[in-house]
């Protein structure tokens, strides 16, 4: 019985969301007023409104994937952000890029995307503009119980070593470990608006806590 209790405790700890960011270690990625520290097509697809970063448009169809990216790189971290995804027509999708780089002469970013969108993208990990495939599917039965479509939600992403975990509103989406040791585990953070829809992805209260270098 003791062994069963211990096993249950370990399973709970492996899926529970990490503790809140420490006041000393966490810092904002967005000042709520400007896009200082970020770069992207601010003439068309990215702006600041009501203390949030707004990606996309509800008036015109976004023609292709676009990303607002940090100007510096990150390796190991816990990232917390509030998001809401709204749309009126076409493919309504967004995501948070991590450990990614700009693709030359393109609007794309290459690397891991912690995805957002129906029907089953919420909290999943997709390899954007690299392997171009889903690497880990979230538990949508669990996510659907807490997801507030069209409203504000909490997204937590923990990247440590070759392991990436996601949580939406405290419920774990995926626990993914990269098997390809040749892929870089560092890069920029990006906010995506997917092409093909009249949609807006709103992000606010972005905070990051960088973690120590991991042991191979």
C-alpha atoms as a PDB file:
ATOM      1  CA  UNK A   1       0.000   0.000   0.000  1.00  0.00           C
ATOM      2  CA  UNK A   2       2.833   2.403   0.849  1.00  0.00           C
ATOM      3  CA  UNK A   3       4.342   1.771  -2.581  1.00  0.00           C
ATOM      4  CA  UNK A   4       0.996   2.572  -4.244  1.00  0.00           C
ATOM      5  CA  UNK A   5       0.662   5.821  -2.293  1.00  0.00           C
ATOM      6  CA  UNK A   6       4.213   6.836  -3.217  1.00  0.00           C
ATOM      7  CA  UNK A   7       3.590   6.055  -6.893  1.00  0.00           C
ATOM      8  CA  UNK A   8       0.368   8.093  -6.893  1.00  0.00           C
ATOM      9  CA  UNK A   9       2.188  11.019  -5.287  1.00  0.00           C
ATOM     10  CA  UNK A  10       4.944  10.922  -7.890  1.00  0.00           C
ATOM     11  CA  UNK A  11       2.432  10.828 -10.736  1.00  0.00           C
ATOM     12  CA  UNK A  12       0.619  13.842  -9.279  1.00  0.00           C
ATOM     13  CA  UNK A  13       3.844  15.812  -8.929  1.00  0.00           C
ATOM     14  CA  UNK A  14       4.820  15.039 -12.524  1.00  0.00           C
ATOM     15  CA  UNK A  15       1.598  16.522 -13.929  1.00  0.00           C
ATOM     16  CA  UNK A  16       0.885  19.336 -11.483  1.00  0.00           C
ATOM     17  CA  UNK A  17       1.704  22.836 -12.641  1.00  0.00           C
ATOM     18  CA  UNK A  18       4.953  24.302 -11.287  1.00  0.00           C
ATOM     19  CA  UNK A  19       4.748  26.617  -8.325  1.00  0.00           C
ATOM     20  CA  UNK A  20       4.230  30.333  -9.058  1.00  0.00           C
ATOM     21  CA  UNK A  21       7.214  32.254 -10.356  1.00  0.00           C
ATOM     22  CA  UNK A  22       9.378  33.674  -7.627  1.00  0.00           C
ATOM     23  CA  UNK A  23       9.233  37.438  -7.259  1.00  0.00           C
ATOM     24  CA  UNK A  24      13.017  37.587  -7.369  1.00  0.00           C
ATOM     25  CA  UNK A  25      13.486  35.344 -10.417  1.00  0.00           C
ATOM     26  CA  UNK A  26      10.596  36.358 -12.657  1.00  0.00           C
ATOM     27  CA  UNK A  27      10.656  39.364 -14.932  1.00  0.00           C
ATOM     28  CA  UNK A  28       8.152  40.809 -17.423  1.00  0.00           C
ATOM     29  CA  UNK A  29       8.617  40.264 -21.153  1.00  0.00           C
ATOM     30  CA  UNK A  30       6.061  42.969 -21.989  1.00  0.00           C
ATOM     31  CA  UNK A  31       5.730  46.360 -20.310  1.00  0.00           C
ATOM     32  CA  UNK A  32       2.025  46.696 -21.141  1.00  0.00           C
ATOM     33  CA  UNK A  33       2.600  49.869 -23.174  1.00  0.00           C
ATOM     34  CA  UNK A  34       5.081  49.222 -25.976  1.00  0.00           C
ATOM     35  CA  UNK A  35       6.740  46.477 -27.977  1.00  0.00           C
ATOM     36  CA  UNK A  36      10.180  47.223 -26.575  1.00  0.00           C
ATOM     37  CA  UNK A  37      12.221  44.028 -26.679  1.00  0.00           C
ATOM     38  CA  UNK A  38      10.138  42.577 -29.521  1.00  0.00           C
ATOM     39  CA  UNK A  39      10.326  42.744 -33.317  1.00  0.00           C
ATOM     40  CA  UNK A  40       7.862  41.951 -36.103  1.00  0.00           C
ATOM     41  CA  UNK A  41       5.518  43.502 -38.666  1.00  0.00           C
ATOM     42  CA  UNK A  42       4.106  46.197 -36.405  1.00  0.00           C
ATOM     43  CA  UNK A  43       2.740  48.098 -39.416  1.00  0.00           C
ATOM     44  CA  UNK A  44       0.186  45.404 -40.121  1.00  0.00           C
ATOM     45  CA  UNK A  45      -0.201  42.530 -37.681  1.00  0.00           C
ATOM     46  CA  UNK A  46       1.048  43.472 -34.213  1.00  0.00           C
ATOM     47  CA  UNK A  47       0.031  46.304 -31.896  1.00  0.00           C
ATOM     48  CA  UNK A  48      -0.518  47.181 -28.241  1.00  0.00           C
ATOM     49  CA  UNK A  49      -4.095  47.730 -27.130  1.00  0.00           C
ATOM     50  CA  UNK A  50      -5.637  47.874 -23.644  1.00  0.00           C
ATOM     51  CA  UNK A  51      -2.447  46.645 -22.009  1.00  0.00           C
ATOM     52  CA  UNK A  52      -2.183  43.636 -24.321  1.00  0.00           C
ATOM     53  CA  UNK A  53      -0.223  42.542 -27.362  1.00  0.00           C
ATOM     54  CA  UNK A  54      -2.715  42.012 -30.183  1.00  0.00           C
ATOM     55  CA  UNK A  55      -1.743  39.809 -33.120  1.00  0.00           C
ATOM     56  CA  UNK A  56      -3.763  39.701 -36.341  1.00  0.00           C
ATOM     57  CA  UNK A  57      -6.977  41.339 -37.513  1.00  0.00           C
ATOM     58  CA  UNK A  58     -10.725  40.754 -37.419  1.00  0.00           C
ATOM     59  CA  UNK A  59     -11.235  42.950 -40.481  1.00  0.00           C
ATOM     60  CA  UNK A  60      -8.954  41.329 -43.064  1.00  0.00           C
ATOM     61  CA  UNK A  61      -7.709  37.779 -43.551  1.00  0.00           C
ATOM     62  CA  UNK A  62      -4.149  37.283 -42.368  1.00  0.00           C
ATOM     63  CA  UNK A  63      -2.440  36.081 -45.584  1.00  0.00           C
ATOM     64  CA  UNK A  64       0.350  34.012 -44.024  1.00  0.00           C
ATOM     65  CA  UNK A  65       1.776  33.059 -40.659  1.00  0.00           C
ATOM     66  CA  UNK A  66       3.275  36.039 -38.836  1.00  0.00           C
ATOM     67  CA  UNK A  67       5.283  36.199 -35.621  1.00  0.00           C
ATOM     68  CA  UNK A  68       6.247  38.828 -33.094  1.00  0.00           C
ATOM     69  CA  UNK A  69       9.581  37.681 -31.638  1.00  0.00           C
ATOM     70  CA  UNK A  70      11.788  38.612 -28.727  1.00  0.00           C
ATOM     71  CA  UNK A  71      15.053  40.275 -29.640  1.00  0.00           C
ATOM     72  CA  UNK A  72      17.048  37.938 -27.397  1.00  0.00           C
ATOM     73  CA  UNK A  73      17.306  34.197 -26.926  1.00  0.00           C
ATOM     74  CA  UNK A  74      16.270  31.978 -24.021  1.00  0.00           C
ATOM     75  CA  UNK A  75      17.218  28.423 -23.102  1.00  0.00           C
ATOM     76  CA  UNK A  76      15.749  27.041 -19.861  1.00  0.00           C
ATOM     77  CA  UNK A  77      12.763  28.883 -18.423  1.00  0.00           C
ATOM     78  CA  UNK A  78       9.255  28.966 -17.058  1.00  0.00           C
ATOM     79  CA  UNK A  79       7.014  31.238 -19.126  1.00  0.00           C
ATOM     80  CA  UNK A  80       3.602  32.438 -17.967  1.00  0.00           C
ATOM     81  CA  UNK A  81       1.191  34.351 -20.186  1.00  0.00           C
ATOM     82  CA  UNK A  82      -2.509  35.113 -20.367  1.00  0.00           C
ATOM     83  CA  UNK A  83      -4.104  34.680 -23.787  1.00  0.00           C
ATOM     84  CA  UNK A  84      -7.399  34.840 -25.585  1.00  0.00           C
ATOM     85  CA  UNK A  85      -8.062  33.774 -29.171  1.00  0.00           C
ATOM     86  CA  UNK A  86     -10.970  35.200 -31.152  1.00  0.00           C
ATOM     87  CA  UNK A  87     -11.957  35.083 -34.800  1.00  0.00           C
ATOM     88  CA  UNK A  88     -14.761  35.514 -37.286  1.00  0.00           C
ATOM     89  CA  UNK A  89     -13.749  33.567 -40.383  1.00  0.00           C
ATOM     90  CA  UNK A  90     -11.271  30.966 -41.619  1.00  0.00           C
ATOM     91  CA  UNK A  91      -8.588  29.157 -39.647  1.00  0.00           C
ATOM     92  CA  UNK A  92      -8.478  30.593 -36.113  1.00  0.00           C
ATOM     93  CA  UNK A  93      -5.132  29.585 -34.625  1.00  0.00           C
ATOM     94  CA  UNK A  94      -2.184  30.960 -32.708  1.00  0.00           C
ATOM     95  CA  UNK A  95       0.687  29.744 -30.586  1.00  0.00           C
ATOM     96  CA  UNK A  96       3.738  30.597 -28.538  1.00  0.00           C
ATOM     97  CA  UNK A  97       7.054  29.832 -30.195  1.00  0.00           C
ATOM     98  CA  UNK A  98       9.936  28.821 -27.930  1.00  0.00           C
ATOM     99  CA  UNK A  99      13.575  28.030 -28.703  1.00  0.00           C
ATOM    100  CA  UNK A 100      12.958  29.317 -32.227  1.00  0.00           C
ATOM    101  CA  UNK A 101      14.685  31.388 -34.893  1.00  0.00           C
ATOM    102  CA  UNK A 102      13.546  33.566 -37.766  1.00  0.00           C
ATOM    103  CA  UNK A 103      13.522  31.864 -41.178  1.00  0.00           C
ATOM    104  CA  UNK A 104      15.520  34.081 -43.582  1.00  0.00           C
ATOM    105  CA  UNK A 105      13.466  35.900 -46.227  1.00  0.00           C
ATOM    106  CA  UNK A 106      10.228  34.633 -44.689  1.00  0.00           C
ATOM    107  CA  UNK A 107       7.605  35.619 -42.136  1.00  0.00           C
ATOM    108  CA  UNK A 108       8.072  32.214 -40.487  1.00  0.00           C
ATOM    109  CA  UNK A 109       9.862  31.080 -37.356  1.00  0.00           C
ATOM    110  CA  UNK A 110      11.486  27.686 -37.035  1.00  0.00           C
ATOM    111  CA  UNK A 111      11.244  25.741 -33.793  1.00  0.00           C
ATOM    112  CA  UNK A 112       8.841  24.517 -31.155  1.00  0.00           C
ATOM    113  CA  UNK A 113       5.352  25.974 -31.032  1.00  0.00           C
ATOM    114  CA  UNK A 114       3.157  25.574 -27.970  1.00  0.00           C
ATOM    115  CA  UNK A 115      -0.047  25.646 -29.959  1.00  0.00           C
ATOM    116  CA  UNK A 116      -3.448  27.271 -29.485  1.00  0.00           C
ATOM    117  CA  UNK A 117      -6.653  26.607 -31.387  1.00  0.00           C
ATOM    118  CA  UNK A 118      -9.482  24.248 -32.232  1.00  0.00           C
ATOM    119  CA  UNK A 119     -10.145  21.478 -32.637  1.00  0.00           C
ATOM    120  CA  UNK A 120      -7.256  19.817 -30.752  1.00  0.00           C
ATOM    121  CA  UNK A 121      -4.267  22.164 -30.887  1.00  0.00           C
ATOM    122  CA  UNK A 122      -4.608  23.679 -27.408  1.00  0.00           C
ATOM    123  CA  UNK A 123      -1.461  22.999 -25.373  1.00  0.00           C
ATOM    124  CA  UNK A 124       0.090  20.698 -27.975  1.00  0.00           C
ATOM    125  CA  UNK A 125       3.673  21.002 -29.224  1.00  0.00           C
ATOM    126  CA  UNK A 126       4.179  21.422 -32.986  1.00  0.00           C
ATOM    127  CA  UNK A 127       7.526  21.711 -34.762  1.00  0.00           C
ATOM    128  CA  UNK A 128       7.039  24.839 -36.884  1.00  0.00           C
ATOM    129  CA  UNK A 129       8.885  25.233 -40.220  1.00  0.00           C
ATOM    130  CA  UNK A 130      11.364  22.479 -39.341  1.00  0.00           C
ATOM    131  CA  UNK A 131       9.865  18.995 -39.156  1.00  0.00           C
ATOM    132  CA  UNK A 132       6.407  20.480 -39.722  1.00  0.00           C
ATOM    133  CA  UNK A 133       4.576  17.962 -37.608  1.00  0.00           C
ATOM    134  CA  UNK A 134       2.878  17.526 -34.260  1.00  0.00           C
ATOM    135  CA  UNK A 135       5.391  16.308 -31.704  1.00  0.00           C
ATOM    136  CA  UNK A 136       3.041  15.886 -28.730  1.00  0.00           C
ATOM    137  CA  UNK A 137      -0.753  15.922 -28.553  1.00  0.00           C
ATOM    138  CA  UNK A 138      -2.418  17.451 -25.517  1.00  0.00           C
ATOM    139  CA  UNK A 139      -5.046  15.708 -23.447  1.00  0.00           C
ATOM    140  CA  UNK A 140      -8.060  17.509 -24.884  1.00  0.00           C
ATOM    141  CA  UNK A 141     -10.501  15.658 -22.636  1.00  0.00           C
ATOM    142  CA  UNK A 142      -8.803  17.340 -19.678  1.00  0.00           C
ATOM    143  CA  UNK A 143      -8.126  20.689 -21.376  1.00  0.00           C
ATOM    144  CA  UNK A 144     -11.747  21.076 -22.507  1.00  0.00           C
ATOM    145  CA  UNK A 145     -12.908  20.986 -18.895  1.00  0.00           C
ATOM    146  CA  UNK A 146     -11.040  24.206 -18.074  1.00  0.00           C
ATOM    147  CA  UNK A 147     -10.577  26.009 -21.400  1.00  0.00           C
ATOM    148  CA  UNK A 148     -12.483  29.292 -21.761  1.00  0.00           C
ATOM    149  CA  UNK A 149     -12.833  29.760 -25.504  1.00  0.00           C
ATOM    150  CA  UNK A 150     -12.927  33.405 -26.545  1.00  0.00           C
ATOM    151  CA  UNK A 151     -11.959  34.531 -23.039  1.00  0.00           C
ATOM    152  CA  UNK A 152      -8.750  34.927 -21.063  1.00  0.00           C
ATOM    153  CA  UNK A 153      -6.802  31.797 -20.116  1.00  0.00           C
ATOM    154  CA  UNK A 154      -3.509  31.116 -18.337  1.00  0.00           C
ATOM    155  CA  UNK A 155      -0.737  29.416 -20.311  1.00  0.00           C
ATOM    156  CA  UNK A 156       2.323  28.036 -18.567  1.00  0.00           C
ATOM    157  CA  UNK A 157       5.291  26.638 -20.487  1.00  0.00           C
ATOM    158  CA  UNK A 158       8.303  25.031 -18.851  1.00  0.00           C
ATOM    159  CA  UNK A 159      11.359  24.301 -21.023  1.00  0.00           C
ATOM    160  CA  UNK A 160      14.220  22.607 -19.259  1.00  0.00           C
ATOM    161  CA  UNK A 161      16.902  20.552 -20.951  1.00  0.00           C
ATOM    162  CA  UNK A 162      15.222  18.639 -23.769  1.00  0.00           C
ATOM    163  CA  UNK A 163      11.923  18.510 -21.893  1.00  0.00           C
ATOM    164  CA  UNK A 164       8.974  20.810 -22.695  1.00  0.00           C
ATOM    165  CA  UNK A 165       5.764  20.876 -20.668  1.00  0.00           C
ATOM    166  CA  UNK A 166       2.595  22.935 -21.104  1.00  0.00           C
ATOM    167  CA  UNK A 167      -0.372  23.751 -18.866  1.00  0.00           C
ATOM    168  CA  UNK A 168      -3.576  25.652 -19.642  1.00  0.00           C
ATOM    169  CA  UNK A 169      -5.463  26.953 -16.610  1.00  0.00           C
ATOM    170  CA  UNK A 170      -3.477  24.582 -14.424  1.00  0.00           C
ATOM    171  CA  UNK A 171      -4.213  21.433 -16.444  1.00  0.00           C
ATOM    172  CA  UNK A 172      -1.299  19.776 -18.184  1.00  0.00           C
ATOM    173  CA  UNK A 173      -1.361  19.632 -21.952  1.00  0.00           C
ATOM    174  CA  UNK A 174       1.836  17.750 -22.827  1.00  0.00           C
ATOM    175  CA  UNK A 175       5.068  16.460 -21.358  1.00  0.00           C
ATOM    176  CA  UNK A 176       7.436  16.164 -24.320  1.00  0.00           C
ATOM    177  CA  UNK A 177      11.098  15.182 -24.375  1.00  0.00           C
ATOM    178  CA  UNK A 178      13.076  15.822 -27.559  1.00  0.00           C
ATOM    179  CA  UNK A 179      14.791  12.691 -28.859  1.00  0.00           C
ATOM    180  CA  UNK A 180      16.873  14.378 -31.564  1.00  0.00           C
ATOM    181  CA  UNK A 181      20.021  15.513 -29.785  1.00  0.00           C
ATOM    182  CA  UNK A 182      21.132  17.582 -32.808  1.00  0.00           C
ATOM    183  CA  UNK A 183      18.335  20.149 -32.475  1.00  0.00           C
ATOM    184  CA  UNK A 184      19.244  23.350 -30.598  1.00  0.00           C
ATOM    185  CA  UNK A 185      17.462  23.848 -27.289  1.00  0.00           C
ATOM    186  CA  UNK A 186      17.682  27.630 -27.264  1.00  0.00           C
ATOM    187  CA  UNK A 187      16.196  30.495 -29.246  1.00  0.00           C
ATOM    188  CA  UNK A 188      13.659  33.276 -29.289  1.00  0.00           C
ATOM    189  CA  UNK A 189      10.134  33.405 -27.937  1.00  0.00           C
ATOM    190  CA  UNK A 190       7.485  34.327 -30.486  1.00  0.00           C
ATOM    191  CA  UNK A 191       3.769  35.058 -30.622  1.00  0.00           C
ATOM    192  CA  UNK A 192       2.013  33.731 -33.716  1.00  0.00           C
ATOM    193  CA  UNK A 193      -1.049  34.678 -35.663  1.00  0.00           C
ATOM    194  CA  UNK A 194      -1.783  31.934 -38.164  1.00  0.00           C
ATOM    195  CA  UNK A 195      -2.488  32.735 -41.782  1.00  0.00           C
ATOM    196  CA  UNK A 196      -5.831  31.996 -43.390  1.00  0.00           C
ATOM    197  CA  UNK A 197      -8.300  33.589 -41.028  1.00  0.00           C
ATOM    198  CA  UNK A 198      -9.769  36.794 -39.687  1.00  0.00           C
ATOM    199  CA  UNK A 199      -8.496  36.337 -36.171  1.00  0.00           C
ATOM    200  CA  UNK A 200      -6.839  38.043 -33.233  1.00  0.00           C
ATOM    201  CA  UNK A 201      -4.648  36.514 -30.572  1.00  0.00           C
ATOM    202  CA  UNK A 202      -4.338  38.661 -27.451  1.00  0.00           C
ATOM    203  CA  UNK A 203      -1.508  38.225 -24.942  1.00  0.00           C
ATOM    204  CA  UNK A 204      -0.851  39.973 -21.645  1.00  0.00           C
ATOM    205  CA  UNK A 205       0.998  39.552 -18.351  1.00  0.00           C
ATOM    206  CA  UNK A 206       3.943  37.798 -19.973  1.00  0.00           C
ATOM    207  CA  UNK A 207       6.524  36.813 -17.353  1.00  0.00           C
ATOM    208  CA  UNK A 208       9.593  34.617 -17.617  1.00  0.00           C
ATOM    209  CA  UNK A 209      11.786  33.016 -15.004  1.00  0.00           C
ATOM    210  CA  UNK A 210      15.061  31.745 -16.428  1.00  0.00           C
ATOM    211  CA  UNK A 211      16.252  28.436 -15.003  1.00  0.00           C
ATOM    212  CA  UNK A 212      19.826  27.213 -14.440  1.00  0.00           C
ATOM    213  CA  UNK A 213      21.635  25.359 -17.180  1.00  0.00           C
ATOM    214  CA  UNK A 214      20.492  21.743 -17.255  1.00  0.00           C
ATOM    215  CA  UNK A 215      22.742  18.699 -16.921  1.00  0.00           C
ATOM    216  CA  UNK A 216      22.828  16.525 -20.074  1.00  0.00           C
END
